[in-house]
Amino acid sequence: MKKTIIIGAIIFIIGAILAFIGLSNGASTSLVWQNGLKIDRRINQTKQVSKFNSIHLDTNNYEVKIKSGTNYSVEVKGSKMDKPKVAVSHKALTIESAENESGTFGFNDHDNEIIITVPNGTKLDDVTGSTNYYELEINNITANNINLDTDSSLDANNLIVTGGGHITSTNGEIDLENSNLTNVNIKQTNGSVSAENSTFTSGRIENENGSLELDDVTFNQTVTLSNDNGKIEIENPITEGYQLTSTNGSIHLFGNHQSSNLNQNENATNKIVATTTNGKIEISN
């Protein structure tokens, strides 16, 4: 048993030295464990794929970007051993992480990345799935439905959702800019939610243990906001009515101040219904 441990330690040290030498000479390599100690190499591959109307993600350890461009393609930057599976079937793009991911010993300081491109002007039917550990970024994408779960951050610019769905995040941030979401429910735990120059039609935004900050946002129909252990702060809202409730906090609405409840034109068609527990509600111009 002792001899086996010693031999294993020697193999590890030799592998580490070889990986270090490779990196010193400019090689894109990592020391990994996958059924034994191995040297992994980094890839950067772009694959042109056939037309698809929906995207489904099941990824770990990859930053994922979905954007518009000139064609349908998927670019993968990362481990050769852990290269994700990319397939288009029945006009649905599916990207799945490798089943047997290797354990890296820290010799690769490059970020793993998946970049999905759809042609400009494309409207997707669905964007669904889950991502873990790295940020999800969406730029200039229109979809009928969106159903995404991440345990990291979501950064979206010019995201348009016309049908509905949900976005959930844990231990990260949700940042929306220049976006238009209809019937989308957003839920964040242990992080912040922010939106700027965007429009929400119906739907909900829920947060727990973090802030909710909305600037220059239009609220159509009834949009429900709630925060448990955090503030709701809104600047320059475009809407007609307000129903505001705070427990263990305070309410500030355009210069009016109350401790627990404050309504203004609460029967309006377009309104904000906001509730906080252990946090203030502040709405100003």
C-alpha atoms as a PDB file:
ATOM      1  CA  MET A   1       0.000   0.000   0.000  1.00  0.00           C
ATOM      2  CA  LYS A   2       2.810   2.377   0.962  1.00  0.00           C
ATOM      3  CA  LYS A   3       4.685   1.555  -2.248  1.00  0.00           C
ATOM      4  CA  THR A   4       1.571   2.309  -4.325  1.00  0.00           C
ATOM      5  CA  ILE A   5       1.169   5.712  -2.692  1.00  0.00           C
ATOM      6  CA  ILE A   6       4.830   6.541  -3.300  1.00  0.00           C
ATOM      7  CA  ILE A   7       4.609   5.492  -6.968  1.00  0.00           C
ATOM      8  CA  GLY A   8       1.436   7.544  -7.417  1.00  0.00           C
ATOM      9  CA  ALA A   9       3.090  10.596  -5.881  1.00  0.00           C
ATOM     10  CA  ILE A  10       6.114  10.208  -8.170  1.00  0.00           C
ATOM     11  CA  ILE A  11       3.876   9.943 -11.258  1.00  0.00           C
ATOM     12  CA  PHE A  12       1.971  13.037 -10.173  1.00  0.00           C
ATOM     13  CA  ILE A  13       5.157  15.056  -9.641  1.00  0.00           C
ATOM     14  CA  ILE A  14       6.569  13.983 -13.020  1.00  0.00           C
ATOM     15  CA  GLY A  15       3.302  14.878 -14.743  1.00  0.00           C
ATOM     16  CA  ALA A  16       3.202  18.233 -12.998  1.00  0.00           C
ATOM     17  CA  ILE A  17       6.769  19.000 -14.105  1.00  0.00           C
ATOM     18  CA  LEU A  18       5.970  18.046 -17.712  1.00  0.00           C
ATOM     19  CA  ALA A  19       2.821  20.204 -17.714  1.00  0.00           C
ATOM     20  CA  PHE A  20       4.754  23.136 -16.248  1.00  0.00           C
ATOM     21  CA  ILE A  21       7.444  22.811 -18.903  1.00  0.00           C
ATOM     22  CA  GLY A  22       4.786  22.692 -21.602  1.00  0.00           C
ATOM     23  CA  LEU A  23       3.127  25.847 -20.299  1.00  0.00           C
ATOM     24  CA  SER A  24       6.481  27.593 -20.009  1.00  0.00           C
ATOM     25  CA  ASN A  25       7.032  26.909 -23.696  1.00  0.00           C
ATOM     26  CA  GLY A  26       3.651  28.347 -24.618  1.00  0.00           C
ATOM     27  CA  ALA A  27       1.663  25.119 -24.918  1.00  0.00           C
ATOM     28  CA  SER A  28      -2.042  25.266 -24.055  1.00  0.00           C
ATOM     29  CA  THR A  29      -2.082  22.294 -21.729  1.00  0.00           C
ATOM     30  CA  SER A  30      -3.505  21.249 -18.382  1.00  0.00           C
ATOM     31  CA  LEU A  31      -2.654  18.498 -15.958  1.00  0.00           C
ATOM     32  CA  VAL A  32      -5.864  16.501 -15.410  1.00  0.00           C
ATOM     33  CA  TRP A  33      -7.086  13.338 -13.784  1.00  0.00           C
ATOM     34  CA  GLN A  34      -9.294  11.177 -15.963  1.00  0.00           C
ATOM     35  CA  ASN A  35      -8.822   7.480 -15.274  1.00  0.00           C
ATOM     36  CA  GLY A  36      -5.239   8.352 -14.457  1.00  0.00           C
ATOM     37  CA  LEU A  37      -2.950  11.356 -14.744  1.00  0.00           C
ATOM     38  CA  LYS A  38      -2.998  12.884 -18.240  1.00  0.00           C
ATOM     39  CA  ILE A  39      -2.021  16.003 -20.139  1.00  0.00           C
ATOM     40  CA  ASP A  40      -5.048  17.721 -21.663  1.00  0.00           C
ATOM     41  CA  ARG A  41      -4.858  20.178 -24.534  1.00  0.00           C
ATOM     42  CA  ARG A  42      -6.918  23.257 -25.207  1.00  0.00           C
ATOM     43  CA  ILE A  43      -9.082  23.545 -28.315  1.00  0.00           C
ATOM     44  CA  ASN A  44     -10.683  26.462 -30.144  1.00  0.00           C
ATOM     45  CA  GLN A  45     -13.132  25.129 -32.719  1.00  0.00           C
ATOM     46  CA  THR A  46     -15.972  26.756 -34.638  1.00  0.00           C
ATOM     47  CA  LYS A  47     -18.622  24.504 -36.147  1.00  0.00           C
ATOM     48  CA  GLN A  48     -21.122  25.658 -38.753  1.00  0.00           C
ATOM     49  CA  VAL A  49     -24.436  23.974 -37.952  1.00  0.00           C
ATOM     50  CA  SER A  50     -27.733  23.605 -39.749  1.00  0.00           C
ATOM     51  CA  LYS A  51     -30.644  25.963 -39.085  1.00  0.00           C
ATOM     52  CA  PHE A  52     -32.251  25.619 -35.662  1.00  0.00           C
ATOM     53  CA  ASN A  53     -35.308  27.208 -34.021  1.00  0.00           C
ATOM     54  CA  SER A  54     -34.580  26.366 -30.395  1.00  0.00           C
ATOM     55  CA  ILE A  55     -31.631  26.061 -28.025  1.00  0.00           C
ATOM     56  CA  HIS A  56     -31.261  23.654 -25.110  1.00  0.00           C
ATOM     57  CA  LEU A  57     -28.305  23.914 -22.721  1.00  0.00           C
ATOM     58  CA  ASP A  58     -26.936  21.480 -20.149  1.00  0.00           C
ATOM     59  CA  THR A  59     -23.461  22.804 -19.418  1.00  0.00           C
ATOM     60  CA  ASN A  60     -20.913  22.841 -16.606  1.00  0.00           C
ATOM     61  CA  ASN A  61     -17.666  24.782 -16.321  1.00  0.00           C
ATOM     62  CA  TYR A  62     -18.271  26.786 -19.483  1.00  0.00           C
ATOM     63  CA  GLU A  63     -19.159  30.428 -19.931  1.00  0.00           C
ATOM     64  CA  VAL A  64     -22.001  30.440 -22.461  1.00  0.00           C
ATOM     65  CA  LYS A  65     -22.726  33.283 -24.864  1.00  0.00           C
ATOM     66  CA  ILE A  66     -25.740  33.438 -27.170  1.00  0.00           C
ATOM     67  CA  LYS A  67     -25.615  36.195 -29.769  1.00  0.00           C
ATOM     68  CA  SER A  68     -26.717  37.281 -33.216  1.00  0.00           C
ATOM     69  CA  GLY A  69     -24.402  37.264 -36.211  1.00  0.00           C
ATOM     70  CA  THR A  70     -24.262  36.186 -39.844  1.00  0.00           C
ATOM     71  CA  ASN A  71     -24.888  32.419 -39.640  1.00  0.00           C
ATOM     72  CA  TYR A  72     -25.718  29.461 -37.415  1.00  0.00           C
ATOM     73  CA  SER A  73     -22.567  28.359 -35.598  1.00  0.00           C
ATOM     74  CA  VAL A  74     -21.153  27.099 -32.304  1.00  0.00           C
ATOM     75  CA  GLU A  75     -17.656  27.963 -31.125  1.00  0.00           C
ATOM     76  CA  VAL A  76     -16.052  25.971 -28.312  1.00  0.00           C
ATOM     77  CA  LYS A  77     -12.968  27.050 -26.390  1.00  0.00           C
ATOM     78  CA  GLY A  78     -11.770  24.721 -23.694  1.00  0.00           C
ATOM     79  CA  SER A  79     -10.612  21.248 -22.798  1.00  0.00           C
ATOM     80  CA  LYS A  80     -10.224  18.647 -25.547  1.00  0.00           C
ATOM     81  CA  MET A  81     -11.092  15.890 -23.070  1.00  0.00           C
ATOM     82  CA  ASP A  82     -14.176  17.706 -21.793  1.00  0.00           C
ATOM     83  CA  LYS A  83     -15.416  18.956 -25.161  1.00  0.00           C
ATOM     84  CA  PRO A  84     -19.214  19.332 -24.946  1.00  0.00           C
ATOM     85  CA  LYS A  85     -21.559  17.489 -27.269  1.00  0.00           C
ATOM     86  CA  VAL A  86     -23.080  19.755 -29.946  1.00  0.00           C
ATOM     87  CA  ALA A  87     -25.963  18.477 -32.070  1.00  0.00           C
ATOM     88  CA  VAL A  88     -28.867  19.770 -34.131  1.00  0.00           C
ATOM     89  CA  SER A  89     -31.880  17.497 -34.423  1.00  0.00           C
ATOM     90  CA  HIS A  90     -35.381  18.427 -35.574  1.00  0.00           C
ATOM     91  CA  LYS A  91     -34.281  22.083 -35.743  1.00  0.00           C
ATOM     92  CA  ALA A  92     -33.230  22.067 -32.076  1.00  0.00           C
ATOM     93  CA  LEU A  93     -29.650  22.827 -31.014  1.00  0.00           C
ATOM     94  CA  THR A  94     -28.563  20.855 -27.951  1.00  0.00           C
ATOM     95  CA  ILE A  95     -25.287  21.440 -26.117  1.00  0.00           C
ATOM     96  CA  GLU A  96     -24.376  19.063 -23.305  1.00  0.00           C
ATOM     97  CA  SER A  97     -21.269  18.898 -21.163  1.00  0.00           C
ATOM     98  CA  ALA A  98     -19.108  15.799 -21.271  1.00  0.00           C
ATOM     99  CA  GLU A  99     -20.360  12.996 -19.019  1.00  0.00           C
ATOM    100  CA  ASN A 100     -16.947  12.218 -17.506  1.00  0.00           C
ATOM    101  CA  GLU A 101     -15.401  15.589 -16.831  1.00  0.00           C
ATOM    102  CA  SER A 102     -11.738  15.544 -15.893  1.00  0.00           C
ATOM    103  CA  GLY A 103     -10.318  17.047 -12.732  1.00  0.00           C
ATOM    104  CA  THR A 104      -7.887  19.860 -13.524  1.00  0.00           C
ATOM    105  CA  PHE A 105      -4.941  20.545 -11.225  1.00  0.00           C
ATOM    106  CA  GLY A 106      -4.826  24.276 -11.927  1.00  0.00           C
ATOM    107  CA  PHE A 107      -2.272  24.513 -14.715  1.00  0.00           C
ATOM    108  CA  ASN A 108      -4.714  26.003 -17.224  1.00  0.00           C
ATOM    109  CA  ASP A 109      -5.649  29.641 -16.600  1.00  0.00           C
ATOM    110  CA  HIS A 110      -7.771  29.962 -19.758  1.00  0.00           C
ATOM    111  CA  ASP A 111     -11.538  30.353 -19.522  1.00  0.00           C
ATOM    112  CA  ASN A 112     -13.773  27.742 -21.100  1.00  0.00           C
ATOM    113  CA  GLU A 113     -16.320  29.289 -23.447  1.00  0.00           C
ATOM    114  CA  ILE A 114     -19.202  28.295 -25.719  1.00  0.00           C
ATOM    115  CA  ILE A 115     -20.423  30.896 -28.222  1.00  0.00           C
ATOM    116  CA  ILE A 116     -23.722  30.245 -30.014  1.00  0.00           C
ATOM    117  CA  THR A 117     -24.514  32.464 -32.995  1.00  0.00           C
ATOM    118  CA  VAL A 118     -27.813  32.824 -34.842  1.00  0.00           C
ATOM    119  CA  PRO A 119     -28.373  35.020 -37.918  1.00  0.00           C
ATOM    120  CA  ASN A 120     -29.518  38.602 -37.336  1.00  0.00           C
ATOM    121  CA  GLY A 121     -33.294  38.904 -37.269  1.00  0.00           C
ATOM    122  CA  THR A 122     -33.917  35.294 -36.208  1.00  0.00           C
ATOM    123  CA  LYS A 123     -36.752  34.637 -33.767  1.00  0.00           C
ATOM    124  CA  LEU A 124     -36.188  31.466 -31.762  1.00  0.00           C
ATOM    125  CA  ASP A 125     -39.054  29.356 -30.488  1.00  0.00           C
ATOM    126  CA  ASP A 126     -37.400  28.379 -27.208  1.00  0.00           C
ATOM    127  CA  VAL A 127     -34.241  28.971 -25.201  1.00  0.00           C
ATOM    128  CA  THR A 128     -34.110  26.450 -22.354  1.00  0.00           C
ATOM    129  CA  GLY A 129     -31.809  24.542 -20.039  1.00  0.00           C
ATOM    130  CA  SER A 130     -29.273  25.037 -17.276  1.00  0.00           C
ATOM    131  CA  THR A 131     -25.734  26.329 -16.888  1.00  0.00           C
ATOM    132  CA  ASN A 132     -23.405  25.920 -13.923  1.00  0.00           C
ATOM    133  CA  TYR A 133     -20.380  27.732 -12.470  1.00  0.00           C
ATOM    134  CA  TYR A 134     -19.854  30.302 -15.225  1.00  0.00           C
ATOM    135  CA  GLU A 135     -21.746  33.312 -16.591  1.00  0.00           C
ATOM    136  CA  LEU A 136     -24.502  33.109 -19.167  1.00  0.00           C
ATOM    137  CA  GLU A 137     -24.527  36.038 -21.593  1.00  0.00           C
ATOM    138  CA  ILE A 138     -27.284  36.818 -24.127  1.00  0.00           C
ATOM    139  CA  ASN A 139     -26.993  39.579 -26.726  1.00  0.00           C
ATOM    140  CA  ASN A 140     -29.481  40.637 -29.416  1.00  0.00           C
ATOM    141  CA  ILE A 141     -31.697  37.557 -29.175  1.00  0.00           C
ATOM    142  CA  THR A 142     -35.472  37.282 -29.726  1.00  0.00           C
ATOM    143  CA  ALA A 143     -37.372  34.220 -28.507  1.00  0.00           C
ATOM    144  CA  ASN A 144     -40.968  33.219 -27.953  1.00  0.00           C
ATOM    145  CA  ASN A 145     -40.218  31.377 -24.711  1.00  0.00           C
ATOM    146  CA  ILE A 146     -37.299  31.329 -22.304  1.00  0.00           C
ATOM    147  CA  ASN A 147     -36.745  28.870 -19.455  1.00  0.00           C
ATOM    148  CA  LEU A 148     -33.242  29.099 -18.014  1.00  0.00           C
ATOM    149  CA  ASP A 149     -31.672  28.093 -14.703  1.00  0.00           C
ATOM    150  CA  THR A 150     -28.152  29.041 -13.653  1.00  0.00           C
ATOM    151  CA  ASP A 151     -26.157  28.898 -10.450  1.00  0.00           C
ATOM    152  CA  SER A 152     -24.089  31.825 -11.646  1.00  0.00           C
ATOM    153  CA  SER A 153     -24.847  35.164 -13.339  1.00  0.00           C
ATOM    154  CA  LEU A 154     -26.964  36.128 -16.325  1.00  0.00           C
ATOM    155  CA  ASP A 155     -26.090  39.196 -18.371  1.00  0.00           C
ATOM    156  CA  ALA A 156     -28.564  40.081 -21.152  1.00  0.00           C
ATOM    157  CA  ASN A 157     -28.622  42.994 -23.582  1.00  0.00           C
ATOM    158  CA  ASN A 158     -31.429  43.456 -26.110  1.00  0.00           C
ATOM    159  CA  LEU A 159     -33.179  40.255 -25.090  1.00  0.00           C
ATOM    160  CA  ILE A 160     -36.769  40.097 -26.346  1.00  0.00           C
ATOM    161  CA  VAL A 161     -39.189  37.450 -25.065  1.00  0.00           C
ATOM    162  CA  THR A 162     -42.699  37.587 -26.513  1.00  0.00           C
ATOM    163  CA  GLY A 163     -44.406  34.527 -25.031  1.00  0.00           C
ATOM    164  CA  GLY A 164     -43.195  33.953 -21.486  1.00  0.00           C
ATOM    165  CA  GLY A 165     -41.156  31.656 -19.295  1.00  0.00           C
ATOM    166  CA  HIS A 166     -38.777  31.918 -16.363  1.00  0.00           C
ATOM    167  CA  ILE A 167     -35.214  32.823 -15.442  1.00  0.00           C
ATOM    168  CA  THR A 168     -33.701  31.632 -12.167  1.00  0.00           C
ATOM    169  CA  SER A 169     -30.261  32.340 -10.721  1.00  0.00           C
ATOM    170  CA  THR A 170     -28.497  31.341  -7.519  1.00  0.00           C
ATOM    171  CA  ASN A 171     -25.358  32.958  -6.110  1.00  0.00           C
ATOM    172  CA  GLY A 172     -24.909  35.373  -8.992  1.00  0.00           C
ATOM    173  CA  GLU A 173     -26.366  38.468 -10.610  1.00  0.00           C
ATOM    174  CA  ILE A 174     -29.082  39.047 -13.175  1.00  0.00           C
ATOM    175  CA  ASP A 175     -28.423  42.144 -15.293  1.00  0.00           C
ATOM    176  CA  LEU A 176     -30.795  43.209 -18.065  1.00  0.00           C
ATOM    177  CA  GLU A 177     -30.316  46.117 -20.466  1.00  0.00           C
ATOM    178  CA  ASN A 178     -32.406  47.304 -23.411  1.00  0.00           C
ATOM    179  CA  SER A 179     -34.624  44.236 -23.047  1.00  0.00           C
ATOM    180  CA  ASN A 180     -38.342  43.531 -23.418  1.00  0.00           C
ATOM    181  CA  LEU A 181     -39.810  40.627 -21.448  1.00  0.00           C
ATOM    182  CA  THR A 182     -43.455  39.520 -21.571  1.00  0.00           C
ATOM    183  CA  ASN A 183     -44.874  37.105 -18.976  1.00  0.00           C
ATOM    184  CA  VAL A 184     -41.414  36.173 -17.698  1.00  0.00           C
ATOM    185  CA  ASN A 185     -40.912  35.256 -14.050  1.00  0.00           C
ATOM    186  CA  ILE A 186     -37.454  36.049 -12.686  1.00  0.00           C
ATOM    187  CA  LYS A 187     -36.184  34.559  -9.430  1.00  0.00           C
ATOM    188  CA  GLN A 188     -32.830  35.309  -7.826  1.00  0.00           C
ATOM    189  CA  THR A 189     -31.372  33.871  -4.622  1.00  0.00           C
ATOM    190  CA  ASN A 190     -28.269  35.302  -2.951  1.00  0.00           C
ATOM    191  CA  GLY A 191     -27.548  37.963  -5.541  1.00  0.00           C
ATOM    192  CA  SER A 192     -28.794  41.131  -7.169  1.00  0.00           C
ATOM    193  CA  VAL A 193     -31.237  41.855  -9.994  1.00  0.00           C
ATOM    194  CA  SER A 194     -30.878  44.976 -12.118  1.00  0.00           C
ATOM    195  CA  ALA A 195     -32.603  46.267 -15.246  1.00  0.00           C
ATOM    196  CA  GLU A 196     -32.030  49.402 -17.283  1.00  0.00           C
ATOM    197  CA  ASN A 197     -33.903  50.885 -20.228  1.00  0.00           C
ATOM    198  CA  SER A 198     -36.136  47.812 -20.436  1.00  0.00           C
ATOM    199  CA  THR A 199     -39.817  46.844 -20.542  1.00  0.00           C
ATOM    200  CA  PHE A 200     -41.689  44.278 -18.466  1.00  0.00           C
ATOM    201  CA  THR A 201     -45.200  43.218 -19.438  1.00  0.00           C
ATOM    202  CA  SER A 202     -46.878  41.227 -16.667  1.00  0.00           C
ATOM    203  CA  GLY A 203     -44.634  38.687 -14.918  1.00  0.00           C
ATOM    204  CA  ARG A 204     -42.811  38.665 -11.598  1.00  0.00           C
ATOM    205  CA  ILE A 205     -39.382  39.531 -10.253  1.00  0.00           C
ATOM    206  CA  GLU A 206     -38.468  37.864  -6.953  1.00  0.00           C
ATOM    207  CA  ASN A 207     -35.270  38.209  -4.975  1.00  0.00           C
ATOM    208  CA  GLU A 208     -33.953  36.807  -1.725  1.00  0.00           C
ATOM    209  CA  ASN A 209     -30.850  38.119   0.020  1.00  0.00           C
ATOM    210  CA  GLY A 210     -29.924  40.817  -2.467  1.00  0.00           C
ATOM    211  CA  SER A 211     -30.965  44.095  -4.073  1.00  0.00           C
ATOM    212  CA  LEU A 212     -33.449  44.768  -6.857  1.00  0.00           C
ATOM    213  CA  GLU A 213     -32.594  47.913  -8.859  1.00  0.00           C
ATOM    214  CA  LEU A 214     -34.579  49.076 -11.893  1.00  0.00           C
ATOM    215  CA  ASP A 215     -33.760  52.239 -13.863  1.00  0.00           C
ATOM    216  CA  ASP A 216     -35.750  53.715 -16.768  1.00  0.00           C
ATOM    217  CA  VAL A 217     -38.049  50.702 -16.943  1.00  0.00           C
ATOM    218  CA  THR A 218     -41.571  50.529 -18.415  1.00  0.00           C
ATOM    219  CA  PHE A 219     -44.105  48.383 -16.519  1.00  0.00           C
ATOM    220  CA  ASN A 220     -47.105  47.202 -18.563  1.00  0.00           C
ATOM    221  CA  GLN A 221     -50.103  45.463 -17.027  1.00  0.00           C
ATOM    222  CA  THR A 222     -49.410  44.242 -13.476  1.00  0.00           C
ATOM    223  CA  VAL A 223     -45.759  43.575 -12.703  1.00  0.00           C
ATOM    224  CA  THR A 224     -45.109  42.046  -9.285  1.00  0.00           C
ATOM    225  CA  LEU A 225     -41.859  42.714  -7.427  1.00  0.00           C
ATOM    226  CA  SER A 226     -40.803  41.107  -4.156  1.00  0.00           C
ATOM    227  CA  ASN A 227     -37.640  41.044  -2.091  1.00  0.00           C
ATOM    228  CA  ASP A 228     -36.863  39.157   1.086  1.00  0.00           C
ATOM    229  CA  ASN A 229     -33.873  40.665   2.915  1.00  0.00           C
ATOM    230  CA  GLY A 230     -33.065  43.375   0.440  1.00  0.00           C
ATOM    231  CA  LYS A 231     -34.202  46.669  -1.059  1.00  0.00           C
ATOM    232  CA  ILE A 232     -36.294  47.534  -4.109  1.00  0.00           C
ATOM    233  CA  GLU A 233     -35.048  50.686  -5.778  1.00  0.00           C
ATOM    234  CA  ILE A 234     -36.697  52.118  -8.913  1.00  0.00           C
ATOM    235  CA  GLU A 235     -35.697  55.279 -10.771  1.00  0.00           C
ATOM    236  CA  ASN A 236     -37.707  56.936 -13.549  1.00  0.00           C
ATOM    237  CA  PRO A 237     -40.393  54.255 -13.884  1.00  0.00           C
ATOM    238  CA  ILE A 238     -43.011  54.440 -16.636  1.00  0.00           C
ATOM    239  CA  THR A 239     -46.308  53.112 -15.340  1.00  0.00           C
ATOM    240  CA  GLU A 240     -49.620  54.371 -13.878  1.00  0.00           C
ATOM    241  CA  GLY A 241     -50.171  52.875 -10.433  1.00  0.00           C
ATOM    242  CA  TYR A 242     -48.434  51.546  -7.336  1.00  0.00           C
ATOM    243  CA  GLN A 243     -49.296  49.098  -4.545  1.00  0.00           C
ATOM    244  CA  LEU A 244     -46.405  49.054  -2.098  1.00  0.00           C
ATOM    245  CA  THR A 245     -45.953  47.048   1.112  1.00  0.00           C
ATOM    246  CA  SER A 246     -42.932  46.762   3.389  1.00  0.00           C
ATOM    247  CA  THR A 247     -42.370  44.716   6.536  1.00  0.00           C
ATOM    248  CA  ASN A 248     -39.449  45.884   8.671  1.00  0.00           C
ATOM    249  CA  GLY A 249     -38.565  48.584   6.171  1.00  0.00           C
ATOM    250  CA  SER A 250     -39.822  51.863   4.769  1.00  0.00           C
ATOM    251  CA  ILE A 251     -41.538  53.159   1.626  1.00  0.00           C
ATOM    252  CA  HIS A 252     -40.567  56.252  -0.365  1.00  0.00           C
ATOM    253  CA  LEU A 253     -42.699  57.102  -3.417  1.00  0.00           C
ATOM    254  CA  PHE A 254     -41.900  60.387  -5.168  1.00  0.00           C
ATOM    255  CA  GLY A 255     -41.501  62.245  -1.885  1.00  0.00           C
ATOM    256  CA  ASN A 256     -44.280  60.452   0.012  1.00  0.00           C
ATOM    257  CA  HIS A 257     -43.092  58.394   2.978  1.00  0.00           C
ATOM    258  CA  GLN A 258     -44.808  55.569   4.854  1.00  0.00           C
ATOM    259  CA  SER A 259     -43.598  52.767   7.082  1.00  0.00           C
ATOM    260  CA  SER A 260     -45.625  49.803   5.815  1.00  0.00           C
ATOM    261  CA  ASN A 261     -48.212  50.553   3.078  1.00  0.00           C
ATOM    262  CA  LEU A 262     -48.527  53.132   0.317  1.00  0.00           C
ATOM    263  CA  ASN A 263     -50.851  53.083  -2.683  1.00  0.00           C
ATOM    264  CA  GLN A 264     -51.214  55.443  -5.614  1.00  0.00           C
ATOM    265  CA  ASN A 265     -53.723  54.898  -8.415  1.00  0.00           C
ATOM    266  CA  GLU A 266     -53.690  51.231  -7.434  1.00  0.00           C
ATOM    267  CA  ASN A 267     -56.594  50.306  -9.760  1.00  0.00           C
ATOM    268  CA  ALA A 268     -54.708  51.334 -12.887  1.00  0.00           C
ATOM    269  CA  THR A 269     -54.268  48.852 -15.741  1.00  0.00           C
ATOM    270  CA  ASN A 270     -50.508  49.297 -15.709  1.00  0.00           C
ATOM    271  CA  LYS A 271     -49.006  49.160 -12.237  1.00  0.00           C
ATOM    272  CA  ILE A 272     -46.281  47.934  -9.920  1.00  0.00           C
ATOM    273  CA  VAL A 273     -47.150  45.692  -6.976  1.00  0.00           C
ATOM    274  CA  ALA A 274     -44.071  45.633  -4.739  1.00  0.00           C
ATOM    275  CA  THR A 275     -43.398  43.917  -1.401  1.00  0.00           C
ATOM    276  CA  THR A 276     -40.311  43.760   0.785  1.00  0.00           C
ATOM    277  CA  THR A 277     -39.424  41.982   4.008  1.00  0.00           C
ATOM    278  CA  ASN A 278     -36.465  43.514   5.839  1.00  0.00           C
ATOM    279  CA  GLY A 279     -35.812  46.100   3.182  1.00  0.00           C
ATOM    280  CA  LYS A 280     -36.957  49.471   1.880  1.00  0.00           C
ATOM    281  CA  ILE A 281     -38.898  50.401  -1.236  1.00  0.00           C
ATOM    282  CA  GLU A 282     -37.687  53.587  -2.883  1.00  0.00           C
ATOM    283  CA  ILE A 283     -39.206  54.962  -6.108  1.00  0.00           C
ATOM    284  CA  SER A 284     -38.051  58.280  -7.521  1.00  0.00           C
ATOM    285  CA  ASN A 285     -37.623  60.335 -10.658  1.00  0.00           C
END
